Amino acid sequence: MSLSYESSGVSYDQLDAFKRACQQAARKTAHLLADHGYAEPDNTRGESCYLMEAADHYLAHVE
């Protein structure tokens, strides 16, 4: 017997679609970072670690 996500009822097709939809919705708020002196570096959204860039440092967020 082998264990897999699929055999336990996890459907990555559905999860990935939901993740992409969440990323699109969240991307609409990225401009708000500027009010706090931050920006979103290109290609950070959706990665294991989300980065916010300031003039002299980064903040990282891991969910």
PDB file of N, CA and C in Angstrom:
ATOM      1  N   MET A   1       0.852  -1.181   0.000  1.00  0.00           N
ATOM      2  CA  MET A   1       0.000   0.000   0.000  1.00  0.00           C
ATOM      3  C   MET A   1       0.893   1.237   0.000  1.00  0.00           C
ATOM      4  N   SER A   2       0.611   2.148  -0.893  1.00  0.00           N
ATOM      5  CA  SER A   2       1.391   3.391  -0.916  1.00  0.00           C
ATOM      6  C   SER A   2       0.484   4.562  -0.573  1.00  0.00           C
ATOM      7  N   LEU A   3       1.041   5.472   0.159  1.00  0.00           N
ATOM      8  CA  LEU A   3       0.295   6.667   0.550  1.00  0.00           C
ATOM      9  C   LEU A   3       0.534   7.762  -0.471  1.00  0.00           C
ATOM     10  N   SER A   4      -0.501   8.506  -0.758  1.00  0.00           N
ATOM     11  CA  SER A   4      -0.368   9.654  -1.653  1.00  0.00           C
ATOM     12  C   SER A   4      -1.397  10.685  -1.251  1.00  0.00           C
ATOM     13  N   TYR A   5      -1.171  11.909  -1.682  1.00  0.00           N
ATOM     14  CA  TYR A   5      -2.157  12.948  -1.421  1.00  0.00           C
ATOM     15  C   TYR A   5      -3.486  12.588  -2.079  1.00  0.00           C
ATOM     16  N   GLU A   6      -3.410  12.113  -3.304  1.00  0.00           N
ATOM     17  CA  GLU A   6      -4.626  11.794  -4.049  1.00  0.00           C
ATOM     18  C   GLU A   6      -5.435  10.699  -3.356  1.00  0.00           C
ATOM     19  N   SER A   7      -4.745   9.657  -2.861  1.00  0.00           N
ATOM     20  CA  SER A   7      -5.473   8.567  -2.205  1.00  0.00           C
ATOM     21  C   SER A   7      -6.096   8.998  -0.883  1.00  0.00           C
ATOM     22  N   SER A   8      -5.608  10.112  -0.321  1.00  0.00           N
ATOM     23  CA  SER A   8      -6.200  10.604   0.930  1.00  0.00           C
ATOM     24  C   SER A   8      -7.276  11.659   0.683  1.00  0.00           C
ATOM     25  N   GLY A   9      -7.561  11.932  -0.599  1.00  0.00           N
ATOM     26  CA  GLY A   9      -8.636  12.858  -0.930  1.00  0.00           C
ATOM     27  C   GLY A   9      -8.197  14.277  -1.233  1.00  0.00           C
ATOM     28  N   VAL A  10      -6.877  14.512  -1.308  1.00  0.00           N
ATOM     29  CA  VAL A  10      -6.366  15.850  -1.607  1.00  0.00           C
ATOM     30  C   VAL A  10      -6.254  16.004  -3.121  1.00  0.00           C
ATOM     31  N   SER A  11      -6.865  17.044  -3.647  1.00  0.00           N
ATOM     32  CA  SER A  11      -6.822  17.318  -5.087  1.00  0.00           C
ATOM     33  C   SER A  11      -6.018  18.593  -5.329  1.00  0.00           C
ATOM     34  N   TYR A  12      -4.784  18.423  -5.809  1.00  0.00           N
ATOM     35  CA  TYR A  12      -3.963  19.598  -6.062  1.00  0.00           C
ATOM     36  C   TYR A  12      -4.479  20.427  -7.229  1.00  0.00           C
ATOM     37  N   ASP A  13      -5.242  19.835  -8.136  1.00  0.00           N
ATOM     38  CA  ASP A  13      -5.838  20.635  -9.210  1.00  0.00           C
ATOM     39  C   ASP A  13      -6.741  21.708  -8.623  1.00  0.00           C
ATOM     40  N   GLN A  14      -7.556  21.333  -7.637  1.00  0.00           N
ATOM     41  CA  GLN A  14      -8.442  22.302  -6.988  1.00  0.00           C
ATOM     42  C   GLN A  14      -7.653  23.261  -6.101  1.00  0.00           C
ATOM     43  N   LEU A  15      -6.700  22.745  -5.341  1.00  0.00           N
ATOM     44  CA  LEU A  15      -5.930  23.595  -4.440  1.00  0.00           C
ATOM     45  C   LEU A  15      -5.104  24.626  -5.206  1.00  0.00           C
ATOM     46  N   ASP A  16      -4.479  24.200  -6.306  1.00  0.00           N
ATOM     47  CA  ASP A  16      -3.671  25.131  -7.084  1.00  0.00           C
ATOM     48  C   ASP A  16      -4.520  26.219  -7.718  1.00  0.00           C
ATOM     49  N   ALA A  17      -5.708  25.866  -8.176  1.00  0.00           N
ATOM     50  CA  ALA A  17      -6.610  26.873  -8.750  1.00  0.00           C
ATOM     51  C   ALA A  17      -7.005  27.889  -7.683  1.00  0.00           C
ATOM     52  N   PHE A  18      -7.302  27.418  -6.476  1.00  0.00           N
ATOM     53  CA  PHE A  18      -7.653  28.316  -5.370  1.00  0.00           C
ATOM     54  C   PHE A  18      -6.459  29.204  -5.009  1.00  0.00           C
ATOM     55  N   LYS A  19      -5.269  28.633  -4.964  1.00  0.00           N
ATOM     56  CA  LYS A  19      -4.055  29.394  -4.635  1.00  0.00           C
ATOM     57  C   LYS A  19      -3.823  30.508  -5.666  1.00  0.00           C
ATOM     58  N   ARG A  20      -3.992  30.189  -6.940  1.00  0.00           N
ATOM     59  CA  ARG A  20      -3.810  31.213  -7.985  1.00  0.00           C
ATOM     60  C   ARG A  20      -4.851  32.321  -7.859  1.00  0.00           C
ATOM     61  N   ALA A  21      -6.089  31.968  -7.550  1.00  0.00           N
ATOM     62  CA  ALA A  21      -7.151  32.973  -7.381  1.00  0.00           C
ATOM     63  C   ALA A  21      -6.834  33.875  -6.189  1.00  0.00           C
ATOM     64  N   CYS A  22      -6.341  33.298  -5.113  1.00  0.00           N
ATOM     65  CA  CYS A  22      -5.967  34.095  -3.935  1.00  0.00           C
ATOM     66  C   CYS A  22      -4.812  35.035  -4.253  1.00  0.00           C
ATOM     67  N   GLN A  23      -3.842  34.555  -4.999  1.00  0.00           N
ATOM     68  CA  GLN A  23      -2.706  35.401  -5.380  1.00  0.00           C
ATOM     69  C   GLN A  23      -3.152  36.581  -6.235  1.00  0.00           C
ATOM     70  N   GLN A  24      -4.068  36.347  -7.157  1.00  0.00           N
ATOM     71  CA  GLN A  24      -4.574  37.438  -7.999  1.00  0.00           C
ATOM     72  C   GLN A  24      -5.299  38.474  -7.165  1.00  0.00           C
ATOM     73  N   ALA A  25      -6.102  38.030  -6.212  1.00  0.00           N
ATOM     74  CA  ALA A  25      -6.827  38.972  -5.351  1.00  0.00           C
ATOM     75  C   ALA A  25      -5.860  39.750  -4.463  1.00  0.00           C
ATOM     76  N   ALA A  26      -4.884  39.078  -3.908  1.00  0.00           N
ATOM     77  CA  ALA A  26      -3.925  39.734  -3.016  1.00  0.00           C
ATOM     78  C   ALA A  26      -3.028  40.709  -3.776  1.00  0.00           C
ATOM     79  N   ARG A  27      -2.723  40.401  -5.027  1.00  0.00           N
ATOM     80  CA  ARG A  27      -1.859  41.283  -5.835  1.00  0.00           C
ATOM     81  C   ARG A  27      -2.466  42.684  -5.940  1.00  0.00           C
ATOM     82  N   LYS A  28      -3.779  42.764  -5.875  1.00  0.00           N
ATOM     83  CA  LYS A  28      -4.455  44.066  -5.971  1.00  0.00           C
ATOM     84  C   LYS A  28      -4.177  44.951  -4.760  1.00  0.00           C
ATOM     85  N   THR A  29      -3.649  44.388  -3.682  1.00  0.00           N
ATOM     86  CA  THR A  29      -3.349  45.175  -2.477  1.00  0.00           C
ATOM     87  C   THR A  29      -1.866  45.555  -2.378  1.00  0.00           C
ATOM     88  N   ALA A  30      -1.026  45.070  -3.281  1.00  0.00           N
ATOM     89  CA  ALA A  30       0.423  45.295  -3.189  1.00  0.00           C
ATOM     90  C   ALA A  30       0.782  46.781  -3.160  1.00  0.00           C
ATOM     91  N   HIS A  31       0.010  47.609  -3.846  1.00  0.00           N
ATOM     92  CA  HIS A  31       0.315  49.049  -3.875  1.00  0.00           C
ATOM     93  C   HIS A  31       0.228  49.685  -2.481  1.00  0.00           C
ATOM     94  N   LEU A  32      -0.503  49.059  -1.576  1.00  0.00           N
ATOM     95  CA  LEU A  32      -0.658  49.605  -0.224  1.00  0.00           C
ATOM     96  C   LEU A  32       0.640  49.524   0.592  1.00  0.00           C
ATOM     97  N   LEU A  33       1.561  48.682   0.175  1.00  0.00           N
ATOM     98  CA  LEU A  33       2.843  48.579   0.873  1.00  0.00           C
ATOM     99  C   LEU A  33       3.605  49.910   0.845  1.00  0.00           C
ATOM    100  N   ALA A  34       3.446  50.676  -0.218  1.00  0.00           N
ATOM    101  CA  ALA A  34       4.161  51.944  -0.364  1.00  0.00           C
ATOM    102  C   ALA A  34       3.843  52.919   0.767  1.00  0.00           C
ATOM    103  N   ASP A  35       2.636  52.858   1.291  1.00  0.00           N
ATOM    104  CA  ASP A  35       2.255  53.727   2.407  1.00  0.00           C
ATOM    105  C   ASP A  35       3.103  53.480   3.649  1.00  0.00           C
ATOM    106  N   HIS A  36       3.760  52.339   3.687  1.00  0.00           N
ATOM    107  CA  HIS A  36       4.573  51.953   4.841  1.00  0.00           C
ATOM    108  C   HIS A  36       6.059  51.851   4.501  1.00  0.00           C
ATOM    109  N   GLY A  37       6.426  52.342   3.323  1.00  0.00           N
ATOM    110  CA  GLY A  37       7.830  52.349   2.915  1.00  0.00           C
ATOM    111  C   GLY A  37       8.318  51.037   2.327  1.00  0.00           C
ATOM    112  N   TYR A  38       7.406  50.199   1.859  1.00  0.00           N
ATOM    113  CA  TYR A  38       7.782  48.897   1.298  1.00  0.00           C
ATOM    114  C   TYR A  38       7.281  48.755  -0.126  1.00  0.00           C
ATOM    115  N   ALA A  39       7.840  47.766  -0.801  1.00  0.00           N
ATOM    116  CA  ALA A  39       7.401  47.398  -2.142  1.00  0.00           C
ATOM    117  C   ALA A  39       7.462  45.880  -2.248  1.00  0.00           C
ATOM    118  N   GLU A  40       6.768  45.367  -3.236  1.00  0.00           N
ATOM    119  CA  GLU A  40       6.785  43.923  -3.477  1.00  0.00           C
ATOM    120  C   GLU A  40       7.781  43.621  -4.585  1.00  0.00           C
ATOM    121  N   PRO A  41       8.870  42.894  -4.277  1.00  0.00           N
ATOM    122  CA  PRO A  41       9.801  42.516  -5.345  1.00  0.00           C
ATOM    123  C   PRO A  41       9.108  41.617  -6.375  1.00  0.00           C
ATOM    124  N   ASP A  42       9.539  41.706  -7.613  1.00  0.00           N
ATOM    125  CA  ASP A  42       8.972  40.858  -8.659  1.00  0.00           C
ATOM    126  C   ASP A  42       9.149  39.383  -8.317  1.00  0.00           C
ATOM    127  N   ASN A  43       8.165  38.601  -8.661  1.00  0.00           N
ATOM    128  CA  ASN A  43       8.204  37.134  -8.558  1.00  0.00           C
ATOM    129  C   ASN A  43       8.294  36.586  -7.138  1.00  0.00           C
ATOM    130  N   THR A  44       7.923  37.341  -6.135  1.00  0.00           N
ATOM    131  CA  THR A  44       7.943  36.812  -4.776  1.00  0.00           C
ATOM    132  C   THR A  44       6.607  36.192  -4.394  1.00  0.00           C
ATOM    133  N   ARG A  45       5.528  36.669  -4.980  1.00  0.00           N
ATOM    134  CA  ARG A  45       4.200  36.173  -4.613  1.00  0.00           C
ATOM    135  C   ARG A  45       4.035  34.730  -5.076  1.00  0.00           C
ATOM    136  N   GLY A  46       3.552  33.889  -4.172  1.00  0.00           N
ATOM    137  CA  GLY A  46       3.343  32.485  -4.485  1.00  0.00           C
ATOM    138  C   GLY A  46       4.521  31.594  -4.142  1.00  0.00           C
ATOM    139  N   GLU A  47       5.631  32.199  -3.771  1.00  0.00           N
ATOM    140  CA  GLU A  47       6.796  31.409  -3.386  1.00  0.00           C
ATOM    141  C   GLU A  47       6.686  31.008  -1.916  1.00  0.00           C
ATOM    142  N   SER A  48       7.601  30.186  -1.459  1.00  0.00           N
ATOM    143  CA  SER A  48       7.572  29.717  -0.064  1.00  0.00           C
ATOM    144  C   SER A  48       7.692  30.863   0.923  1.00  0.00           C
ATOM    145  N   CYS A  49       8.391  31.906   0.520  1.00  0.00           N
ATOM    146  CA  CYS A  49       8.609  33.058   1.389  1.00  0.00           C
ATOM    147  C   CYS A  49       8.199  34.310   0.623  1.00  0.00           C
ATOM    148  N   TYR A  50       7.271  35.078   1.171  1.00  0.00           N
ATOM    149  CA  TYR A  50       6.839  36.328   0.550  1.00  0.00           C
ATOM    150  C   TYR A  50       7.731  37.446   1.072  1.00  0.00           C
ATOM    151  N   LEU A  51       8.300  38.235   0.180  1.00  0.00           N
ATOM    152  CA  LEU A  51       9.204  39.314   0.568  1.00  0.00           C
ATOM    153  C   LEU A  51       8.546  40.668   0.406  1.00  0.00           C
ATOM    154  N   MET A  52       8.907  41.569   1.321  1.00  0.00           N
ATOM    155  CA  MET A  52       8.564  42.975   1.218  1.00  0.00           C
ATOM    156  C   MET A  52       9.884  43.729   1.308  1.00  0.00           C
ATOM    157  N   GLU A  53      10.108  44.623   0.367  1.00  0.00           N
ATOM    158  CA  GLU A  53      11.393  45.308   0.245  1.00  0.00           C
ATOM    159  C   GLU A  53      11.297  46.759   0.707  1.00  0.00           C
ATOM    160  N   ALA A  54      12.235  47.157   1.568  1.00  0.00           N
ATOM    161  CA  ALA A  54      12.382  48.558   1.980  1.00  0.00           C
ATOM    162  C   ALA A  54      13.703  49.064   1.398  1.00  0.00           C
ATOM    163  N   ALA A  55      14.019  50.307   1.661  1.00  0.00           N
ATOM    164  CA  ALA A  55      15.251  50.893   1.124  1.00  0.00           C
ATOM    165  C   ALA A  55      16.498  50.162   1.613  1.00  0.00           C
ATOM    166  N   ASP A  56      16.484  49.716   2.866  1.00  0.00           N
ATOM    167  CA  ASP A  56      17.703  49.131   3.425  1.00  0.00           C
ATOM    168  C   ASP A  56      17.531  47.737   4.025  1.00  0.00           C
ATOM    169  N   HIS A  57      16.367  47.112   3.801  1.00  0.00           N
ATOM    170  CA  HIS A  57      16.162  45.772   4.342  1.00  0.00           C
ATOM    171  C   HIS A  57      14.953  45.107   3.673  1.00  0.00           C
ATOM    172  N   TYR A  58      14.800  43.841   3.965  1.00  0.00           N
ATOM    173  CA  TYR A  58      13.641  43.077   3.516  1.00  0.00           C
ATOM    174  C   TYR A  58      12.902  42.537   4.731  1.00  0.00           C
ATOM    175  N   LEU A  59      11.615  42.338   4.591  1.00  0.00           N
ATOM    176  CA  LEU A  59      10.829  41.575   5.550  1.00  0.00           C
ATOM    177  C   LEU A  59      10.369  40.323   4.807  1.00  0.00           C
ATOM    178  N   ALA A  60      10.386  39.202   5.494  1.00  0.00           N
ATOM    179  CA  ALA A  60       9.966  37.946   4.888  1.00  0.00           C
ATOM    180  C   ALA A  60       8.802  37.386   5.691  1.00  0.00           C
ATOM    181  N   HIS A  61       7.842  36.810   4.968  1.00  0.00           N
ATOM    182  CA  HIS A  61       6.677  36.211   5.608  1.00  0.00           C
ATOM    183  C   HIS A  61       6.537  34.780   5.079  1.00  0.00           C
ATOM    184  N   VAL A  62       6.496  33.840   6.006  1.00  0.00           N
ATOM    185  CA  VAL A  62       6.288  32.434   5.641  1.00  0.00           C
ATOM    186  C   VAL A  62       4.987  31.982   6.287  1.00  0.00           C
ATOM    187  N   GLU A  63       4.108  31.456   5.492  1.00  0.00           N
ATOM    188  CA  GLU A  63       2.808  30.991   5.991  1.00  0.00           C
ATOM    189  C   GLU A  63       2.942  29.572   6.494  1.00  0.00           C
TER     190      GLU A  63
END
